[in-house]
Amino acid sequence: MQAVIIAGGKGTRLRPLTYGCPKPMLPLFHRPFLDWMVERCRLAGITDILLNIHYQGQQVKDYFGAGDRHGVMIRYIEEAIPLDTAGALKLAEPFFTGESLVVFNADILTDLDLTALTQFHQQQGSDVTLTLTRVADITPFGLVELGEGQRVVAFREKPSPEEAIGFLAQGINTINAGTYVIEPHVFAGYGVGEPLSFERVVFPNVLQRGQAMTGFVWDGYWLDVGSPAKYYQSHLDILRGAMPYNLEAQDVYCHQEGIWIAKTAQVSPRAVLEAPCYVGSYATVTDDAYIPGGTIVGAYGVIQRAIAPGIYREGCLL
């Protein structure tokens, strides 16, 4: 298997956080989100990684290099202009080995079992496998309809509230969860260097050609972290145990249940900390500080007084 991580977007919904940082390099606690994604691939035995970059891509290259430090091999697919999701994959075609491609959107936090996903794809003999998730409110999303044998039979536009009632009555409530397994031949026939969309072009064409497209439904944790509110929620969900994440592996210790402190942080014993909260590397929390539950203090933050819940980086509330 090869992994392809689509990480070239500008992250406009996360501005101003992304003015000076590409979206996948925003920190999830102590390390860039993209670092967590690369680690996921390695743990699943996928060590050949193609990394699509565009917006401020040099930051990504400077951090990961060739991937040696992370136990993987990374090659970069640089877009001169944005080519949309599938256009970036077509650009990567010279690096394909013929193995199945595990494709990730670089803004999805999930506990998806990658081994189970790839085994499902192989057992089904699919050309494309889409990871799907169920949501309670389907109106903000396009829907993926499944038929017998988990085969994808149709893509539905975002429904109106009235249409949603009908879809839910038919059991149609699965959406694209942003992780795919794709056979390389699916990209044959498309032009290189031209914008190309999975959702609008490639996936509908797979159905029209009669190629095998299946849906792997994952009922575990799933969150699109592409907005400030969701970015904040991702941290809280980890602190509350809703999303598995190994904080201890990064020189962080559990001060008491739900309160995590980096070993390099300076926290006064007179400060008041409430769960759930996190204090990052080299942060300083002084005698008079009060950190309420729902607070994430980033690296080098300084807290000297009572603050409101939120994410603080270098002492500033995001």
Protein backbone atom coordinates (compact mmCIF):
# COMPACT_ATOMS: atom_id res chain seq x y z
CA MET A 1 0.00 0.00 0.00
CA GLN A 2 1.00 3.60 -0.63
CA ALA A 3 -0.47 6.57 1.24
CA VAL A 4 -1.35 9.87 -0.39
CA ILE A 5 -2.11 12.77 1.95
CA ILE A 6 -3.82 15.77 0.34
CA ALA A 7 -2.40 18.71 2.29
CA GLY A 8 -2.18 21.59 -0.16
CA GLY A 9 -5.26 23.62 0.76
CA LYS A 10 -5.17 27.16 2.16
CA GLY A 11 -7.44 26.45 5.13
CA THR A 12 -9.47 29.62 4.60
CA ARG A 13 -12.12 28.56 7.15
CA LEU A 14 -9.41 28.50 9.83
CA ARG A 15 -8.15 32.02 9.24
CA PRO A 16 -6.46 33.86 10.90
CA LEU A 17 -4.71 30.73 12.24
CA THR A 18 -3.64 29.74 8.73
CA TYR A 19 -2.27 33.08 7.55
CA GLY A 20 1.21 32.02 8.63
CA CYS A 21 0.79 28.25 8.77
CA PRO A 22 -0.64 25.63 6.40
CA LYS A 23 -3.75 24.02 7.87
CA PRO A 24 -2.31 20.50 8.36
CA MET A 25 0.63 21.97 10.29
CA LEU A 26 -1.55 23.56 12.97
CA PRO A 27 -0.71 21.91 16.30
CA LEU A 28 -2.86 19.23 17.83
CA PHE A 29 -1.66 19.80 21.41
CA HIS A 30 2.11 19.34 21.10
CA ARG A 31 2.67 18.48 17.44
CA PRO A 32 1.36 19.32 13.96
CA PHE A 33 -1.83 17.58 12.90
CA LEU A 34 0.02 16.21 9.88
CA ASP A 35 2.59 14.58 12.19
CA TRP A 36 -0.26 12.58 13.75
CA MET A 37 -1.45 11.53 10.28
CA VAL A 38 2.00 10.32 9.23
CA GLU A 39 2.28 8.35 12.48
CA ARG A 40 -1.10 6.71 11.77
CA CYS A 41 0.20 5.49 8.43
CA ARG A 42 3.40 4.11 9.96
CA LEU A 43 1.52 2.25 12.68
CA ALA A 44 -0.68 0.65 9.99
CA GLY A 45 2.41 -0.51 8.12
CA ILE A 46 2.10 2.07 5.33
CA THR A 47 5.53 3.68 5.06
CA ASP A 48 5.59 4.91 1.43
CA ILE A 49 3.88 8.30 1.65
CA LEU A 50 3.19 10.80 -1.12
CA LEU A 51 2.48 14.21 0.37
CA ASN A 52 0.61 16.78 -1.71
CA ILE A 53 1.60 20.37 -0.82
CA HIS A 54 0.93 23.83 -2.17
CA TYR A 55 0.11 26.62 0.30
CA GLN A 56 3.24 27.37 2.38
CA GLY A 57 4.46 23.93 1.48
CA GLN A 58 8.05 24.67 2.45
CA GLN A 59 7.01 24.49 6.12
CA VAL A 60 5.87 20.91 5.56
CA LYS A 61 9.12 19.96 3.79
CA ASP A 62 11.26 21.59 6.47
CA TYR A 63 9.46 19.64 9.21
CA PHE A 64 9.31 16.17 7.65
CA GLY A 65 12.24 16.11 5.25
CA ALA A 66 12.50 12.72 3.57
CA GLY A 67 10.60 11.09 6.46
CA ASP A 68 13.57 9.27 8.02
CA ARG A 69 12.96 10.76 11.48
CA HIS A 70 9.38 9.44 11.34
CA GLY A 71 10.28 5.96 10.11
CA VAL A 72 8.72 6.46 6.68
CA MET A 73 9.67 7.54 3.15
CA ILE A 74 8.05 10.83 2.08
CA ARG A 75 8.00 12.26 -1.42
CA TYR A 76 6.39 15.59 -2.16
CA ILE A 77 3.88 16.39 -4.87
CA GLU A 78 3.99 20.16 -5.28
CA GLU A 79 1.15 21.96 -7.06
CA ALA A 80 2.07 25.14 -8.93
CA ILE A 81 -1.65 25.96 -8.93
CA PRO A 82 -4.45 24.31 -6.91
CA LEU A 83 -5.64 21.23 -8.80
CA ASP A 84 -8.50 20.17 -6.50
CA THR A 85 -8.50 16.85 -4.67
CA ALA A 86 -8.11 14.35 -7.51
CA GLY A 87 -5.91 16.63 -9.62
CA ALA A 88 -3.29 16.34 -6.91
CA LEU A 89 -3.47 12.54 -7.18
CA LYS A 90 -3.05 12.61 -10.95
CA LEU A 91 0.05 14.75 -10.48
CA ALA A 92 1.47 12.03 -8.20
CA GLU A 93 1.02 9.30 -10.84
CA PRO A 94 4.74 8.99 -11.72
CA PHE A 95 5.35 7.81 -8.13
CA PHE A 96 2.67 5.10 -8.17
CA THR A 97 4.02 1.59 -7.71
CA GLY A 98 0.85 -0.21 -8.80
CA GLU A 99 -0.19 -0.90 -5.21
CA SER A 100 -3.48 0.32 -3.78
CA LEU A 101 -3.51 3.97 -2.70
CA VAL A 102 -4.83 4.97 0.73
CA VAL A 103 -5.88 8.59 0.27
CA PHE A 104 -6.41 11.00 3.15
CA ASN A 105 -7.88 14.47 3.43
CA ALA A 106 -5.54 16.27 5.84
CA ASP A 107 -8.26 17.77 8.05
CA ILE A 108 -10.02 14.66 9.42
CA LEU A 109 -9.49 13.49 12.99
CA THR A 110 -10.68 9.90 13.36
CA ASP A 111 -9.95 6.61 15.09
CA LEU A 112 -10.64 4.77 11.82
CA ASP A 113 -8.98 1.33 11.74
CA LEU A 114 -6.83 1.56 8.61
CA THR A 115 -6.03 -2.15 8.64
CA ALA A 116 -9.73 -3.05 8.69
CA LEU A 117 -10.36 -0.57 5.86
CA THR A 118 -7.64 -1.94 3.58
CA GLN A 119 -8.61 -5.56 4.30
CA PHE A 120 -12.23 -4.74 3.41
CA HIS A 121 -11.10 -3.17 0.13
CA GLN A 122 -9.06 -6.24 -0.80
CA GLN A 123 -11.77 -8.72 0.20
CA GLN A 124 -14.37 -6.85 -1.85
CA GLY A 125 -12.08 -6.63 -4.88
CA SER A 126 -13.06 -2.98 -5.26
CA ASP A 127 -11.64 -0.37 -7.58
CA VAL A 128 -12.56 2.30 -5.03
CA THR A 129 -13.54 2.06 -1.38
CA LEU A 130 -14.96 5.12 0.34
CA THR A 131 -14.91 5.41 4.10
CA LEU A 132 -18.34 6.57 5.24
CA THR A 133 -19.71 7.78 8.54
CA ARG A 134 -23.23 8.24 9.84
CA VAL A 135 -24.41 11.65 11.03
CA ALA A 136 -27.56 12.69 12.88
CA ASP A 137 -28.11 15.84 10.81
CA ILE A 138 -27.60 15.03 7.14
CA THR A 139 -28.69 18.40 5.72
CA PRO A 140 -25.16 19.96 5.63
CA PHE A 141 -23.73 17.02 3.66
CA GLY A 142 -23.90 15.23 0.37
CA LEU A 143 -24.97 11.63 0.93
CA VAL A 144 -23.59 8.32 -0.29
CA GLU A 145 -26.25 5.67 -0.87
CA LEU A 146 -25.30 2.02 -0.41
CA GLY A 147 -26.93 -1.04 -1.91
CA GLU A 148 -26.42 -4.77 -1.62
CA GLY A 149 -22.95 -5.89 -0.61
CA GLN A 150 -21.99 -2.39 0.54
CA ARG A 151 -21.82 -1.25 -3.08
CA VAL A 152 -22.15 2.49 -3.67
CA VAL A 153 -25.18 3.04 -5.90
CA ALA A 154 -25.65 6.82 -5.87
CA PHE A 155 -24.39 10.17 -4.66
CA ARG A 156 -27.03 12.55 -3.35
CA GLU A 157 -26.81 16.32 -3.13
CA LYS A 158 -27.24 18.07 0.23
CA PRO A 159 -30.91 17.46 1.10
CA SER A 160 -33.44 20.01 2.24
CA PRO A 161 -35.01 19.35 5.66
CA GLU A 162 -38.02 17.82 3.90
CA GLU A 163 -35.85 15.59 1.68
CA ALA A 164 -33.78 14.58 4.71
CA ILE A 165 -36.86 13.06 6.36
CA GLY A 166 -37.38 10.83 3.34
CA PHE A 167 -33.74 9.79 3.11
CA LEU A 168 -33.59 8.94 6.81
CA ALA A 169 -36.76 6.87 6.48
CA GLN A 170 -34.94 4.84 3.80
CA GLY A 171 -31.87 4.45 6.00
CA ILE A 172 -29.75 6.76 3.82
CA ASN A 173 -27.59 8.64 6.31
CA THR A 174 -23.95 7.99 5.37
CA ILE A 175 -21.55 10.70 4.21
CA ASN A 176 -18.09 10.73 2.70
CA ALA A 177 -15.61 10.55 5.61
CA GLY A 178 -12.56 11.71 3.64
CA THR A 179 -10.44 8.53 3.52
CA TYR A 180 -10.34 6.30 0.42
CA VAL A 181 -8.62 3.24 -0.97
CA ILE A 182 -8.19 3.57 -4.72
CA GLU A 183 -6.61 1.40 -7.38
CA PRO A 184 -4.20 3.46 -9.53
CA HIS A 185 -5.85 2.56 -12.84
CA VAL A 186 -8.85 4.70 -11.83
CA PHE A 187 -6.83 7.80 -12.81
CA ALA A 188 -6.18 6.64 -16.38
CA GLY A 189 -7.55 8.97 -19.03
CA TYR A 190 -7.46 12.20 -17.03
CA GLY A 191 -5.15 15.06 -17.98
CA VAL A 192 -2.12 15.93 -15.87
CA GLY A 193 -1.93 19.42 -14.39
CA GLU A 194 -5.66 20.08 -14.77
CA PRO A 195 -8.09 20.63 -11.87
CA LEU A 196 -9.97 17.44 -11.09
CA SER A 197 -12.46 16.66 -8.32
CA PHE A 198 -13.11 13.32 -6.69
CA GLU A 199 -16.64 14.23 -5.67
CA ARG A 200 -17.80 15.90 -8.88
CA VAL A 201 -15.91 13.92 -11.52
CA VAL A 202 -13.87 10.86 -10.57
CA PHE A 203 -16.28 9.06 -8.24
CA PRO A 204 -19.37 9.61 -10.44
CA ASN A 205 -17.33 8.38 -13.43
CA VAL A 206 -16.41 5.20 -11.54
CA LEU A 207 -20.12 4.45 -11.11
CA GLN A 208 -20.92 5.28 -14.74
CA ARG A 209 -18.19 2.93 -15.96
CA GLY A 210 -19.56 0.11 -13.83
CA GLN A 211 -16.37 -0.20 -11.82
CA ALA A 212 -16.64 -1.59 -8.31
CA MET A 213 -17.09 1.09 -5.66
CA THR A 214 -17.84 0.05 -2.09
CA GLY A 215 -18.53 1.86 1.15
CA PHE A 216 -16.79 1.03 4.43
CA VAL A 217 -18.98 2.44 7.21
CA TRP A 218 -17.06 3.51 10.32
CA ASP A 219 -19.12 4.20 13.43
CA GLY A 220 -16.17 5.32 15.54
CA TYR A 221 -14.92 8.85 16.12
CA TRP A 222 -14.88 11.27 13.18
CA LEU A 223 -14.47 15.06 13.02
CA ASP A 224 -13.69 17.54 10.26
CA VAL A 225 -11.35 20.00 12.02
CA GLY A 226 -11.53 22.61 9.27
CA SER A 227 -13.13 25.41 11.33
CA PRO A 228 -12.02 27.17 14.57
CA ALA A 229 -14.93 25.63 16.52
CA LYS A 230 -14.10 22.11 15.31
CA TYR A 231 -10.39 22.65 15.88
CA TYR A 232 -11.15 23.52 19.50
CA GLN A 233 -13.57 20.60 19.80
CA SER A 234 -10.90 18.16 18.62
CA HIS A 235 -8.74 19.03 21.63
CA LEU A 236 -11.63 18.72 24.07
CA ASP A 237 -12.70 15.37 22.63
CA ILE A 238 -9.20 13.98 23.16
CA LEU A 239 -9.00 15.29 26.71
CA ARG A 240 -12.41 13.78 27.50
CA GLY A 241 -11.44 10.40 26.04
CA ALA A 242 -13.85 10.47 23.09
CA MET A 243 -10.96 10.25 20.61
CA PRO A 244 -8.01 7.93 21.39
CA TYR A 245 -4.73 9.86 21.35
CA ASN A 246 -1.44 9.10 23.09
CA LEU A 247 -0.49 12.29 24.94
CA GLU A 248 2.00 10.49 27.16
CA ALA A 249 4.17 9.57 24.18
CA GLN A 250 5.18 13.22 23.76
CA ASP A 251 6.68 14.04 27.17
CA VAL A 252 3.33 14.94 28.70
CA TYR A 253 2.12 13.56 32.02
CA CYS A 254 -1.29 13.29 33.63
CA HIS A 255 -1.17 15.62 36.66
CA GLN A 256 -4.52 14.26 37.75
CA GLU A 257 -7.49 12.84 35.88
CA GLY A 258 -8.21 15.05 32.87
CA ILE A 259 -5.32 17.47 33.54
CA TRP A 260 -2.31 17.03 31.26
CA ILE A 261 0.95 18.96 31.63
CA ALA A 262 4.08 18.91 29.48
CA LYS A 263 7.17 17.90 31.42
CA THR A 264 8.92 21.11 30.35
CA ALA A 265 6.07 23.37 31.59
CA GLN A 266 6.42 25.43 34.76
CA VAL A 267 3.21 25.21 36.79
CA SER A 268 2.98 26.82 40.25
CA PRO A 269 1.56 24.52 42.94
CA ARG A 270 -0.64 27.48 43.95
CA ALA A 271 -2.28 27.71 40.52
CA VAL A 272 -5.77 26.25 40.17
CA LEU A 273 -6.33 23.88 37.24
CA GLU A 274 -9.64 22.21 36.43
CA ALA A 275 -10.26 19.21 34.18
CA PRO A 276 -10.20 18.85 31.31
CA CYS A 277 -7.20 21.02 30.45
CA TYR A 278 -3.74 20.87 28.91
CA VAL A 279 -0.57 22.90 29.51
CA GLY A 280 1.95 22.73 26.69
CA SER A 281 5.73 22.65 26.36
CA TYR A 282 7.67 25.42 28.10
CA ALA A 283 4.45 27.13 29.17
CA THR A 284 4.38 29.07 32.45
CA VAL A 285 1.44 29.07 34.85
CA THR A 286 1.99 31.42 37.82
CA ASP A 287 0.71 31.55 41.41
CA ASP A 288 -2.45 33.54 40.70
CA ALA A 289 -3.51 31.65 37.60
CA TYR A 290 -6.87 29.92 37.30
CA ILE A 291 -7.26 27.58 34.34
CA PRO A 292 -10.85 26.37 33.96
CA GLY A 293 -11.93 23.14 32.33
CA GLY A 294 -11.93 23.27 28.55
CA THR A 295 -8.62 25.14 28.30
CA ILE A 296 -5.62 24.29 26.14
CA VAL A 297 -2.46 26.32 26.80
CA GLY A 298 -0.07 25.99 23.89
CA ALA A 299 3.73 25.87 23.88
CA TYR A 300 5.43 28.88 25.49
CA GLY A 301 2.11 30.27 26.74
CA VAL A 302 2.17 32.39 29.91
CA ILE A 303 -0.89 32.39 32.19
CA GLN A 304 -0.78 34.83 35.11
CA ARG A 305 -4.44 35.26 36.01
CA ALA A 306 -7.90 33.73 35.70
CA ILE A 307 -8.78 33.02 32.06
CA ALA A 308 -11.77 31.81 30.05
CA PRO A 309 -11.90 28.36 28.42
CA GLY A 310 -10.32 28.20 24.98
CA ILE A 311 -7.05 27.58 23.16
CA TYR A 312 -4.16 29.86 24.14
CA ARG A 313 -1.00 30.13 22.09
CA GLU A 314 1.79 32.32 23.40
CA GLY A 315 -0.67 33.76 25.90
CA CYS A 316 -3.26 34.80 23.29
CA LEU A 317 -6.76 33.34 23.05
CA LEU A 318 -7.49 31.92 19.61
